[in-house]
């Protein structure tokens, strides 16, 4: 089953073609998504890499803290983001009072 990794502390010049060979040393990469600002399209300094679970664990251990293009990579398991729900923009888990 694929596992998603968070890759942080990236320079704004890093591309998918830069990241792919780093992670492919540990196994097949299913996808790479470099996050960009919605308004400016500028890179936000982090990405998500998806690969098989056992390979992702090895990549995390091997690449976390690695100096890459002048920055030290931060590689962790990606966490689910908590955001507004679709019913009213309130954070999930908060109840609407009817008084």
N, C-alpha and C. Protein backbone atom coordinates (compact mmCIF):
# COMPACT_ATOMS: atom_id res chain seq x y z
N UNK A 1 0.84 -1.19 0.00
CA UNK A 1 0.00 0.00 0.00
C UNK A 1 0.88 1.24 0.00
N UNK A 2 0.58 2.21 -0.85
CA UNK A 2 1.41 3.42 -0.92
C UNK A 2 1.33 4.25 0.36
N UNK A 3 2.42 4.92 0.64
CA UNK A 3 2.52 5.79 1.81
C UNK A 3 2.97 7.15 1.34
N UNK A 4 2.44 8.19 1.94
CA UNK A 4 2.73 9.56 1.54
C UNK A 4 3.69 10.18 2.54
N UNK A 5 4.75 10.81 2.01
CA UNK A 5 5.75 11.48 2.82
C UNK A 5 5.67 12.99 2.62
N UNK A 6 5.86 13.72 3.69
CA UNK A 6 6.00 15.17 3.64
C UNK A 6 7.48 15.47 3.47
N UNK A 7 7.83 16.33 2.52
CA UNK A 7 9.22 16.73 2.29
C UNK A 7 9.27 18.25 2.43
N UNK A 8 9.90 18.74 3.47
CA UNK A 8 9.93 20.17 3.74
C UNK A 8 11.31 20.76 3.64
N UNK A 9 11.34 22.09 3.74
CA UNK A 9 12.57 22.87 3.69
C UNK A 9 13.21 22.82 2.30
N UNK A 10 12.36 22.92 1.28
CA UNK A 10 12.82 22.92 -0.11
C UNK A 10 13.04 24.34 -0.59
N UNK A 11 14.03 24.53 -1.44
CA UNK A 11 14.21 25.84 -2.06
C UNK A 11 13.14 26.03 -3.12
N UNK A 12 12.94 27.26 -3.55
CA UNK A 12 11.91 27.52 -4.56
C UNK A 12 12.32 27.08 -5.95
N UNK A 13 13.56 26.62 -6.09
CA UNK A 13 14.05 26.16 -7.40
C UNK A 13 13.90 24.64 -7.60
N UNK A 14 13.54 23.91 -6.55
CA UNK A 14 13.45 22.45 -6.63
C UNK A 14 12.28 22.03 -7.51
N UNK A 15 12.54 21.05 -8.37
CA UNK A 15 11.51 20.51 -9.26
C UNK A 15 11.29 19.04 -8.97
N UNK A 16 10.26 18.50 -9.59
CA UNK A 16 10.00 17.07 -9.47
C UNK A 16 11.19 16.27 -9.99
N UNK A 17 11.82 16.74 -11.05
CA UNK A 17 12.99 16.06 -11.62
C UNK A 17 14.18 16.06 -10.67
N UNK A 18 14.24 17.01 -9.75
CA UNK A 18 15.30 17.02 -8.74
C UNK A 18 15.00 15.99 -7.64
N UNK A 19 13.75 15.91 -7.22
CA UNK A 19 13.37 15.04 -6.11
C UNK A 19 13.29 13.57 -6.49
N UNK A 20 12.82 13.29 -7.69
CA UNK A 20 12.57 11.89 -8.08
C UNK A 20 13.81 11.00 -7.90
N UNK A 21 15.00 11.38 -8.41
CA UNK A 21 16.15 10.48 -8.25
C UNK A 21 16.55 10.27 -6.79
N UNK A 22 16.35 11.26 -5.95
CA UNK A 22 16.66 11.11 -4.52
C UNK A 22 15.84 9.99 -3.91
N UNK A 23 14.53 10.02 -4.18
CA UNK A 23 13.63 9.05 -3.58
C UNK A 23 13.66 7.70 -4.29
N UNK A 24 13.96 7.69 -5.58
CA UNK A 24 14.02 6.42 -6.32
C UNK A 24 15.18 5.54 -5.86
N UNK A 25 16.14 6.10 -5.17
CA UNK A 25 17.22 5.28 -4.59
C UNK A 25 16.66 4.29 -3.58
N UNK A 26 15.47 4.59 -3.05
CA UNK A 26 14.85 3.76 -2.02
C UNK A 26 13.72 2.90 -2.55
N UNK A 27 13.29 3.13 -3.79
CA UNK A 27 12.22 2.33 -4.37
C UNK A 27 11.40 3.15 -5.35
N UNK A 28 10.37 2.51 -5.89
CA UNK A 28 9.52 3.15 -6.90
C UNK A 28 8.75 4.32 -6.30
N UNK A 29 8.78 5.44 -7.00
CA UNK A 29 8.03 6.62 -6.61
C UNK A 29 6.73 6.63 -7.41
N UNK A 30 5.60 6.68 -6.71
CA UNK A 30 4.30 6.69 -7.38
C UNK A 30 3.91 8.10 -7.82
N UNK A 31 4.20 9.09 -6.98
CA UNK A 31 3.87 10.46 -7.35
C UNK A 31 4.68 11.45 -6.52
N UNK A 32 4.84 12.64 -7.08
CA UNK A 32 5.47 13.77 -6.39
C UNK A 32 4.60 14.98 -6.65
N UNK A 33 4.27 15.68 -5.58
CA UNK A 33 3.44 16.88 -5.70
C UNK A 33 4.12 18.02 -4.95
N UNK A 34 4.66 18.97 -5.70
CA UNK A 34 5.26 20.16 -5.09
C UNK A 34 4.14 21.17 -4.90
N UNK A 35 3.92 21.57 -3.66
CA UNK A 35 2.81 22.47 -3.35
C UNK A 35 3.16 23.90 -3.73
N UNK A 36 2.17 24.59 -4.30
CA UNK A 36 2.33 25.97 -4.77
C UNK A 36 1.25 26.86 -4.16
N UNK A 37 1.57 28.12 -4.03
CA UNK A 37 0.62 29.11 -3.56
C UNK A 37 -0.51 29.23 -4.58
N UNK A 38 -1.75 29.24 -4.12
CA UNK A 38 -2.89 29.28 -5.03
C UNK A 38 -2.98 30.59 -5.82
N UNK A 39 -2.56 31.68 -5.21
CA UNK A 39 -2.67 32.97 -5.88
C UNK A 39 -1.48 33.29 -6.78
N UNK A 40 -0.27 32.99 -6.31
CA UNK A 40 0.93 33.40 -7.04
C UNK A 40 1.57 32.27 -7.83
N UNK A 41 1.22 31.04 -7.55
CA UNK A 41 1.81 29.83 -8.15
C UNK A 41 3.28 29.63 -7.76
N UNK A 42 3.75 30.39 -6.79
CA UNK A 42 5.12 30.23 -6.31
C UNK A 42 5.20 28.98 -5.43
N UNK A 43 6.31 28.24 -5.49
CA UNK A 43 6.47 27.07 -4.63
C UNK A 43 6.40 27.47 -3.15
N UNK A 44 5.78 26.61 -2.34
CA UNK A 44 5.60 26.91 -0.92
C UNK A 44 6.70 26.31 -0.05
N UNK A 45 7.67 25.60 -0.65
CA UNK A 45 8.79 25.08 0.12
C UNK A 45 8.59 23.67 0.66
N UNK A 46 7.55 22.99 0.19
CA UNK A 46 7.36 21.61 0.60
C UNK A 46 6.67 20.82 -0.50
N UNK A 47 6.76 19.49 -0.36
CA UNK A 47 6.18 18.60 -1.37
C UNK A 47 5.67 17.34 -0.67
N UNK A 48 4.94 16.54 -1.41
CA UNK A 48 4.52 15.23 -0.95
C UNK A 48 5.01 14.20 -1.96
N UNK A 49 5.58 13.12 -1.44
CA UNK A 49 6.08 12.03 -2.27
C UNK A 49 5.35 10.76 -1.83
N UNK A 50 4.82 10.04 -2.79
CA UNK A 50 4.10 8.80 -2.49
C UNK A 50 4.89 7.62 -3.03
N UNK A 51 5.11 6.64 -2.15
CA UNK A 51 5.82 5.42 -2.52
C UNK A 51 5.35 4.28 -1.64
N UNK A 52 5.76 3.04 -1.95
CA UNK A 52 5.35 1.89 -1.15
C UNK A 52 5.84 2.06 0.29
N UNK A 53 5.06 1.52 1.23
CA UNK A 53 5.28 1.76 2.66
C UNK A 53 6.70 1.41 3.12
N UNK A 54 7.19 0.22 2.77
CA UNK A 54 8.52 -0.16 3.26
C UNK A 54 9.61 0.74 2.66
N UNK A 55 9.44 1.12 1.42
CA UNK A 55 10.40 2.02 0.78
C UNK A 55 10.31 3.42 1.36
N UNK A 56 9.09 3.86 1.67
CA UNK A 56 8.90 5.19 2.24
C UNK A 56 9.58 5.31 3.60
N UNK A 57 9.51 4.26 4.41
CA UNK A 57 10.17 4.29 5.71
C UNK A 57 11.69 4.39 5.55
N UNK A 58 12.24 3.64 4.61
CA UNK A 58 13.68 3.71 4.36
C UNK A 58 14.08 5.09 3.83
N UNK A 59 13.26 5.65 2.94
CA UNK A 59 13.55 6.98 2.38
C UNK A 59 13.50 8.03 3.49
N UNK A 60 12.53 7.94 4.36
CA UNK A 60 12.41 8.89 5.46
C UNK A 60 13.66 8.85 6.34
N UNK A 61 14.07 7.66 6.70
CA UNK A 61 15.26 7.51 7.55
C UNK A 61 16.52 7.99 6.84
N UNK A 62 16.63 7.70 5.55
CA UNK A 62 17.84 8.04 4.81
C UNK A 62 17.94 9.49 4.36
N UNK A 63 16.80 10.15 4.17
CA UNK A 63 16.83 11.50 3.59
C UNK A 63 16.54 12.61 4.59
N UNK A 64 15.92 12.30 5.72
CA UNK A 64 15.63 13.34 6.70
C UNK A 64 16.94 13.92 7.22
N UNK A 65 17.10 15.23 7.08
CA UNK A 65 18.31 15.91 7.52
C UNK A 65 19.40 16.01 6.46
N UNK A 66 19.17 15.39 5.31
CA UNK A 66 20.15 15.45 4.22
C UNK A 66 20.25 16.86 3.67
N UNK A 67 21.48 17.35 3.45
CA UNK A 67 21.63 18.65 2.82
C UNK A 67 21.38 18.49 1.32
N UNK A 68 20.46 19.29 0.81
CA UNK A 68 20.04 19.20 -0.59
C UNK A 68 19.83 20.61 -1.12
N UNK A 69 20.65 20.98 -2.08
CA UNK A 69 20.59 22.31 -2.69
C UNK A 69 20.68 23.42 -1.65
N UNK A 70 21.57 23.22 -0.68
CA UNK A 70 21.83 24.23 0.34
C UNK A 70 20.87 24.24 1.52
N UNK A 71 19.93 23.31 1.55
CA UNK A 71 18.95 23.24 2.65
C UNK A 71 18.95 21.83 3.23
N UNK A 72 18.61 21.71 4.50
CA UNK A 72 18.47 20.39 5.13
C UNK A 72 17.03 19.92 5.01
N UNK A 73 16.86 18.80 4.30
CA UNK A 73 15.52 18.27 4.09
C UNK A 73 14.87 17.84 5.40
N UNK A 74 13.57 18.02 5.46
CA UNK A 74 12.75 17.48 6.55
C UNK A 74 11.81 16.49 5.90
N UNK A 75 11.98 15.22 6.23
CA UNK A 75 11.15 14.17 5.63
C UNK A 75 10.44 13.44 6.76
N UNK A 76 9.11 13.48 6.71
CA UNK A 76 8.27 12.85 7.73
C UNK A 76 7.09 12.16 7.08
N UNK A 77 6.41 11.32 7.85
CA UNK A 77 5.14 10.78 7.38
C UNK A 77 4.18 11.94 7.22
N UNK A 78 3.46 11.96 6.11
CA UNK A 78 2.46 13.01 5.89
C UNK A 78 1.29 12.78 6.84
N UNK A 79 0.76 13.86 7.36
CA UNK A 79 -0.39 13.78 8.25
C UNK A 79 -1.63 14.28 7.52
N UNK A 80 -2.77 13.79 7.92
CA UNK A 80 -4.03 14.26 7.37
C UNK A 80 -4.24 15.69 7.84
N UNK A 81 -4.62 16.54 6.93
CA UNK A 81 -4.85 17.94 7.26
C UNK A 81 -6.27 18.13 7.75
N UNK A 82 -6.41 18.83 8.84
CA UNK A 82 -7.74 19.17 9.33
C UNK A 82 -8.09 20.54 8.81
N UNK A 83 -9.21 20.63 8.15
CA UNK A 83 -9.60 21.91 7.59
C UNK A 83 -11.08 22.13 7.76
N UNK A 84 -11.59 23.16 7.14
CA UNK A 84 -13.02 23.46 7.26
C UNK A 84 -13.86 22.36 6.63
N UNK A 85 -15.04 22.15 7.22
CA UNK A 85 -15.92 21.17 6.59
C UNK A 85 -16.71 21.85 5.49
N UNK A 86 -17.47 21.11 4.74
CA UNK A 86 -18.15 21.66 3.57
C UNK A 86 -19.47 22.35 3.93
N UNK A 87 -19.87 22.29 5.20
CA UNK A 87 -21.18 22.83 5.56
C UNK A 87 -21.14 24.30 5.97
N UNK A 88 -19.98 24.85 6.26
CA UNK A 88 -20.01 26.24 6.67
C UNK A 88 -18.65 26.83 6.94
N UNK A 89 -17.60 26.14 6.61
CA UNK A 89 -16.28 26.69 6.77
C UNK A 89 -15.73 26.64 8.17
N UNK A 90 -16.45 25.99 9.08
CA UNK A 90 -15.94 25.87 10.45
C UNK A 90 -14.99 24.68 10.52
N UNK A 91 -13.98 24.75 11.40
CA UNK A 91 -13.11 23.59 11.57
C UNK A 91 -13.92 22.37 12.01
N UNK A 92 -13.52 21.22 11.54
CA UNK A 92 -14.20 19.99 11.91
C UNK A 92 -14.15 19.80 13.42
N UNK A 93 -15.22 19.21 13.94
CA UNK A 93 -15.25 18.91 15.35
C UNK A 93 -15.92 19.99 16.18
N UNK A 94 -16.09 21.16 15.66
CA UNK A 94 -16.77 22.23 16.41
C UNK A 94 -18.25 22.16 16.14
N UNK A 95 -19.04 22.37 17.17
CA UNK A 95 -20.47 22.30 17.02
C UNK A 95 -21.06 23.69 16.87
N UNK A 96 -22.06 23.79 16.05
CA UNK A 96 -22.77 25.06 15.86
C UNK A 96 -23.88 25.14 16.92
N UNK A 97 -23.90 26.22 17.64
CA UNK A 97 -24.93 26.42 18.63
C UNK A 97 -26.15 27.06 17.98
N UNK A 98 -27.32 26.69 18.45
CA UNK A 98 -28.55 27.19 17.84
C UNK A 98 -29.23 28.24 18.71
N UNK A 99 -28.53 28.90 19.62
CA UNK A 99 -29.14 29.90 20.48
C UNK A 99 -28.95 31.22 19.96
